[in-house]
């Protein structure tokens, strides 16, 4: 995703609204975002990434993808549905990491048969900074989060909701020893799986106080997955961001902090897909 004057338009196309039906029949929603794994000049593997808890214990689900009917042109209001089951998702190789990936190659092949093209803006490794590079940032940075809080969206145009906040812990320090950081932002049900970014367009100040006039930065910081809640009695505990509006009882309130998984963990899926590709190639030639 190149940095340009239309960066926010591109970012509005990087997410997808996920709707699920649980085993109990209740409906829930979450946020997914498009990623290209193992990308080089010739090939890539398109996937949608979200939190595991968004797609666990469901009977069915679907996500919505904008489409381009004319080559190179966005046809506002055109979008298609991709249906899935829980078994279609690949879980992160570390069971403690609340991430899952849905391969999209089959869905894209079906789109091609219909003569339509998916119109989306995938995230890639170029948007992820190393820890050493992240140390050039300030301890507190403004961030944006893109998703579907309380399931809200622009359904006519298939567009998400942008939220703005700040980092509550430095992104270059692993919070509580995990590859995570904390943001200060209202994180409502439906926001699970939302990507978090730093976006500077037209200038920014570095951690040494240097002003970069005309400079641009677009950094994929990570993925929202949980947040602390406080009971009426005052007890504070960490819980996954809910996917339905009725999962938190009235005796518990969120305190406008969100726990995020570092973006580098998203690309740990690449090892799984390397193995799957190798196994598939071996099976084809046997």
Protein backbone atom coordinates (compact mmCIF):
# COMPACT_ATOMS: atom_id res chain seq x y z
CA UNK A 1 0.00 0.00 0.00
CA UNK A 2 1.91 3.08 -1.19
CA UNK A 3 1.82 6.33 0.77
CA UNK A 4 0.03 8.99 -1.28
CA UNK A 5 -2.61 11.71 -1.08
CA UNK A 6 -5.30 9.01 -1.17
CA UNK A 7 -3.85 7.03 1.73
CA UNK A 8 -7.07 7.23 3.77
CA UNK A 9 -9.12 6.08 0.78
CA UNK A 10 -6.76 3.11 0.49
CA UNK A 11 -7.02 2.40 4.20
CA UNK A 12 -10.82 2.43 3.94
CA UNK A 13 -10.44 -0.55 1.60
CA UNK A 14 -8.11 -2.60 3.81
CA UNK A 15 -10.79 -3.97 6.14
CA UNK A 16 -13.89 -6.14 5.85
CA UNK A 17 -16.90 -6.52 8.12
CA UNK A 18 -17.23 -10.08 9.46
CA UNK A 19 -20.64 -11.41 10.46
CA UNK A 20 -21.08 -14.75 12.23
CA UNK A 21 -23.85 -16.94 13.59
CA UNK A 22 -22.89 -18.71 16.80
CA UNK A 23 -23.75 -22.22 17.93
CA UNK A 24 -26.43 -20.65 20.11
CA UNK A 25 -27.97 -18.91 17.08
CA UNK A 26 -26.89 -15.43 18.17
CA UNK A 27 -25.34 -13.13 15.59
CA UNK A 28 -22.02 -11.39 16.14
CA UNK A 29 -19.65 -9.17 14.20
CA UNK A 30 -15.97 -8.38 14.06
CA UNK A 31 -13.34 -6.78 11.87
CA UNK A 32 -10.99 -8.44 9.40
CA UNK A 33 -8.30 -6.95 7.21
CA UNK A 34 -6.71 -8.00 3.94
CA UNK A 35 -3.09 -9.17 3.84
CA UNK A 36 -0.81 -10.43 1.09
CA UNK A 37 1.49 -13.15 2.46
CA UNK A 38 4.69 -14.43 0.81
CA UNK A 39 4.47 -11.55 -1.64
CA UNK A 40 7.10 -11.07 -4.31
CA UNK A 41 7.08 -9.58 -7.81
CA UNK A 42 5.18 -12.57 -9.24
CA UNK A 43 2.94 -14.18 -6.63
CA UNK A 44 1.24 -13.63 -3.28
CA UNK A 45 -1.27 -15.39 -1.03
CA UNK A 46 -4.34 -13.24 -0.28
CA UNK A 47 -5.91 -13.75 3.15
CA UNK A 48 -8.19 -12.03 5.62
CA UNK A 49 -6.90 -11.84 9.20
CA UNK A 50 -8.97 -11.37 12.34
CA UNK A 51 -9.02 -12.55 15.96
CA UNK A 52 -9.60 -16.23 16.67
CA UNK A 53 -12.36 -15.39 19.12
CA UNK A 54 -14.32 -13.72 16.30
CA UNK A 55 -14.71 -16.94 14.31
CA UNK A 56 -14.66 -19.59 17.04
CA UNK A 57 -17.77 -21.62 17.93
CA UNK A 58 -19.81 -20.50 14.93
CA UNK A 59 -22.09 -22.34 12.51
CA UNK A 60 -21.55 -19.94 9.60
CA UNK A 61 -20.11 -16.59 8.67
CA UNK A 62 -19.64 -14.13 5.88
CA UNK A 63 -17.61 -11.09 4.98
CA UNK A 64 -18.18 -8.35 2.43
CA UNK A 65 -15.74 -7.40 -0.33
CA UNK A 66 -15.91 -4.32 -2.55
CA UNK A 67 -15.63 -5.10 -6.25
CA UNK A 68 -14.45 -3.25 -9.33
CA UNK A 69 -16.61 -3.87 -12.39
CA UNK A 70 -14.49 -1.70 -14.69
CA UNK A 71 -10.75 -2.27 -14.82
CA UNK A 72 -8.90 0.30 -12.75
CA UNK A 73 -12.07 2.01 -11.56
CA UNK A 74 -13.89 1.85 -8.26
CA UNK A 75 -17.57 1.21 -8.67
CA UNK A 76 -19.02 2.71 -5.50
CA UNK A 77 -21.73 0.55 -3.97
CA UNK A 78 -20.68 -2.70 -5.67
CA UNK A 79 -19.72 -5.47 -3.28
CA UNK A 80 -19.94 -9.23 -2.93
CA UNK A 81 -20.30 -11.62 0.00
CA UNK A 82 -17.80 -14.37 0.81
CA UNK A 83 -19.23 -17.15 3.00
CA UNK A 84 -17.13 -19.31 5.31
CA UNK A 85 -17.24 -21.84 8.14
CA UNK A 86 -14.99 -22.03 11.19
CA UNK A 87 -12.97 -24.86 9.63
CA UNK A 88 -11.94 -22.64 6.70
CA UNK A 89 -9.73 -20.54 8.98
CA UNK A 90 -6.09 -21.24 9.78
CA UNK A 91 -5.11 -20.46 13.37
CA UNK A 92 -1.91 -18.68 14.31
CA UNK A 93 0.93 -21.15 14.95
CA UNK A 94 1.25 -19.86 18.53
CA UNK A 95 -1.94 -20.92 20.34
CA UNK A 96 -1.61 -17.97 22.73
CA UNK A 97 -1.91 -15.46 19.87
CA UNK A 98 -5.48 -14.44 19.12
CA UNK A 99 -5.20 -14.38 15.32
CA UNK A 100 -6.68 -16.44 12.47
CA UNK A 101 -6.31 -16.22 8.68
CA UNK A 102 -8.79 -17.08 5.93
CA UNK A 103 -7.27 -17.94 2.50
CA UNK A 104 -9.08 -16.09 -0.30
CA UNK A 105 -7.74 -17.76 -3.46
CA UNK A 106 -10.90 -19.85 -3.97
CA UNK A 107 -13.16 -16.86 -3.42
CA UNK A 108 -11.15 -14.78 -5.89
CA UNK A 109 -11.42 -17.61 -8.43
CA UNK A 110 -15.21 -17.55 -8.05
CA UNK A 111 -15.20 -13.79 -8.52
CA UNK A 112 -13.21 -14.24 -11.74
CA UNK A 113 -15.81 -16.67 -13.08
CA UNK A 114 -18.44 -13.99 -12.46
CA UNK A 115 -16.37 -11.45 -14.37
CA UNK A 116 -15.74 -9.22 -11.37
CA UNK A 117 -12.60 -8.20 -9.55
CA UNK A 118 -12.17 -7.74 -5.78
CA UNK A 119 -11.29 -4.15 -4.96
CA UNK A 120 -9.27 -3.96 -1.75
CA UNK A 121 -6.05 -2.55 -0.32
CA UNK A 122 -3.95 -5.35 1.25
CA UNK A 123 -1.40 -4.81 3.98
CA UNK A 124 2.09 -6.15 3.41
CA UNK A 125 5.42 -6.49 5.22
CA UNK A 126 6.64 -3.13 3.98
CA UNK A 127 4.23 -1.45 6.41
CA UNK A 128 5.71 -3.25 9.44
CA UNK A 129 8.73 -1.67 11.13
CA UNK A 130 11.37 -3.58 13.06
CA UNK A 131 11.70 -2.95 16.79
CA UNK A 132 14.93 -1.02 16.18
CA UNK A 133 13.19 1.24 13.69
CA UNK A 134 10.18 1.65 15.97
CA UNK A 135 12.56 3.04 18.61
CA UNK A 136 12.88 6.16 16.47
CA UNK A 137 9.24 6.94 17.32
CA UNK A 138 8.01 8.82 20.36
CA UNK A 139 6.69 6.93 23.38
CA UNK A 140 3.32 8.51 22.67
CA UNK A 141 2.06 8.65 19.08
CA UNK A 142 -1.34 9.39 17.57
CA UNK A 143 -2.90 6.31 15.99
CA UNK A 144 -5.98 5.44 13.97
CA UNK A 145 -7.98 2.24 14.15
CA UNK A 146 -10.24 1.03 11.35
CA UNK A 147 -13.15 -1.31 11.90
CA UNK A 148 -16.81 -1.79 12.73
CA UNK A 149 -17.54 -0.71 16.34
CA UNK A 150 -20.88 -2.11 17.48
CA UNK A 151 -21.13 -3.52 13.95
CA UNK A 152 -21.57 -0.02 12.50
CA UNK A 153 -20.52 0.65 8.91
CA UNK A 154 -21.49 2.41 5.71
CA UNK A 155 -23.40 -0.55 4.31
CA UNK A 156 -24.29 1.23 1.05
CA UNK A 157 -20.65 1.76 0.16
CA UNK A 158 -19.02 -1.05 2.20
CA UNK A 159 -16.84 1.34 4.16
CA UNK A 160 -15.60 1.02 7.77
CA UNK A 161 -15.44 3.49 10.65
CA UNK A 162 -12.20 5.34 11.47
CA UNK A 163 -11.32 5.95 15.14
CA UNK A 164 -8.49 8.06 16.54
CA UNK A 165 -6.49 7.74 19.75
CA UNK A 166 -2.96 7.51 21.12
CA UNK A 167 -0.51 4.81 22.13
CA UNK A 168 -0.84 4.18 25.86
CA UNK A 169 2.45 2.23 25.94
CA UNK A 170 5.42 2.60 23.56
CA UNK A 171 5.04 0.32 20.52
CA UNK A 172 8.75 -0.54 20.65
CA UNK A 173 8.43 -2.11 24.13
CA UNK A 174 6.73 -5.49 24.56
CA UNK A 175 3.93 -4.83 27.04
CA UNK A 176 4.04 -7.34 29.92
CA UNK A 177 6.79 -9.19 28.01
CA UNK A 178 4.44 -10.11 25.15
CA UNK A 179 4.58 -8.85 21.56
CA UNK A 180 1.79 -6.42 22.36
CA UNK A 181 1.12 -2.75 23.10
CA UNK A 182 -1.76 -0.74 24.54
CA UNK A 183 -3.78 2.06 22.96
CA UNK A 184 -5.95 4.72 24.58
CA UNK A 185 -9.12 4.55 22.53
CA UNK A 186 -12.74 3.51 22.94
CA UNK A 187 -12.88 -0.14 21.83
CA UNK A 188 -16.45 -1.31 21.34
CA UNK A 189 -17.86 -4.76 20.48
CA UNK A 190 -17.29 -5.42 16.77
CA UNK A 191 -13.84 -3.81 16.88
CA UNK A 192 -12.10 -7.15 17.44
CA UNK A 193 -9.53 -7.66 14.69
CA UNK A 194 -9.25 -3.97 13.82
CA UNK A 195 -5.85 -2.89 12.42
CA UNK A 196 -4.07 0.02 14.11
CA UNK A 197 -1.86 2.46 12.20
CA UNK A 198 0.33 5.50 12.53
CA UNK A 199 -0.37 7.83 9.62
CA UNK A 200 1.52 11.07 9.03
CA UNK A 201 0.83 12.96 5.83
CA UNK A 202 2.65 16.18 5.05
CA UNK A 203 4.99 16.23 8.02
CA UNK A 204 5.80 14.84 11.45
CA UNK A 205 8.09 15.27 14.44
CA UNK A 206 10.58 12.55 15.41
CA UNK A 207 11.48 11.45 18.93
CA UNK A 208 14.39 13.92 19.02
CA UNK A 209 12.11 16.87 18.34
CA UNK A 210 13.15 17.14 14.69
CA UNK A 211 10.43 18.44 12.36
CA UNK A 212 10.12 16.65 9.02
CA UNK A 213 8.16 19.06 6.85
CA UNK A 214 6.45 17.30 3.96
CA UNK A 215 7.42 13.88 5.31
CA UNK A 216 5.02 10.95 5.18
CA UNK A 217 4.78 7.86 7.37
CA UNK A 218 2.39 4.92 7.22
CA UNK A 219 3.10 2.16 9.74
CA UNK A 220 1.00 -0.89 10.53
CA UNK A 221 1.34 -1.14 14.31
CA UNK A 222 -0.87 -4.09 15.16
CA UNK A 223 -4.29 -5.65 15.75
CA UNK A 224 -6.80 -4.95 18.52
CA UNK A 225 -7.88 -8.09 20.38
CA UNK A 226 -8.74 -7.34 24.02
CA UNK A 227 -9.18 -4.67 26.65
CA UNK A 228 -9.49 -4.23 30.40
CA UNK A 229 -12.97 -4.04 31.90
CA UNK A 230 -13.92 -2.79 35.34
CA UNK A 231 -16.73 -4.11 37.47
CA UNK A 232 -19.01 -1.89 39.51
CA UNK A 233 -17.12 -3.13 42.58
CA UNK A 234 -13.86 -1.89 41.03
CA UNK A 235 -12.21 -5.17 39.99
CA UNK A 236 -10.21 -4.80 36.75
CA UNK A 237 -9.58 -7.71 34.40
CA UNK A 238 -8.61 -8.23 30.76
CA UNK A 239 -11.21 -9.67 28.39
CA UNK A 240 -11.40 -10.16 24.61
CA UNK A 241 -13.21 -7.35 22.81
CA UNK A 242 -16.77 -8.74 22.48
CA UNK A 243 -18.29 -9.57 19.11
CA UNK A 244 -21.88 -8.95 20.24
CA UNK A 245 -23.39 -6.06 22.14
CA UNK A 246 -24.81 -8.23 24.93
CA UNK A 247 -21.69 -10.10 26.06
CA UNK A 248 -20.71 -7.59 28.75
CA UNK A 249 -23.13 -7.43 31.66
CA UNK A 250 -24.31 -4.05 32.91
CA UNK A 251 -22.12 -4.52 35.99
CA UNK A 252 -18.95 -4.34 33.85
CA UNK A 253 -17.69 -1.32 31.92
CA UNK A 254 -14.78 -0.94 29.50
CA UNK A 255 -12.22 1.71 30.47
CA UNK A 256 -11.29 2.88 26.96
CA UNK A 257 -8.03 1.01 26.62
CA UNK A 258 -7.27 -1.61 24.00
CA UNK A 259 -4.66 -4.38 23.94
CA UNK A 260 -3.08 -4.92 20.53
CA UNK A 261 -1.00 -7.70 18.99
CA UNK A 262 2.15 -6.43 17.27
CA UNK A 263 1.91 -6.42 13.48
CA UNK A 264 4.97 -8.65 13.10
CA UNK A 265 2.90 -11.56 14.43
CA UNK A 266 0.52 -11.32 11.47
CA UNK A 267 3.31 -12.33 9.12
CA UNK A 268 4.19 -15.37 11.21
CA UNK A 269 1.40 -17.03 9.21
CA UNK A 270 3.84 -17.17 6.30
CA UNK A 271 5.60 -20.22 7.71
CA UNK A 272 2.31 -22.14 7.77
CA UNK A 273 1.52 -21.22 4.18
CA UNK A 274 5.05 -22.16 3.06
CA UNK A 275 4.47 -25.62 4.50
CA UNK A 276 1.03 -25.89 2.88
CA UNK A 277 2.41 -24.86 -0.52
CA UNK A 278 5.28 -27.34 -0.23
CA UNK A 279 2.90 -30.16 0.73
CA UNK A 280 0.59 -29.27 -2.13
CA UNK A 281 3.46 -29.21 -4.61
CA UNK A 282 4.72 -32.58 -3.38
CA UNK A 283 1.23 -34.08 -3.67
CA UNK A 284 0.86 -32.70 -7.21
CA UNK A 285 4.09 -34.31 -8.35
CA UNK A 286 3.53 -37.66 -6.62
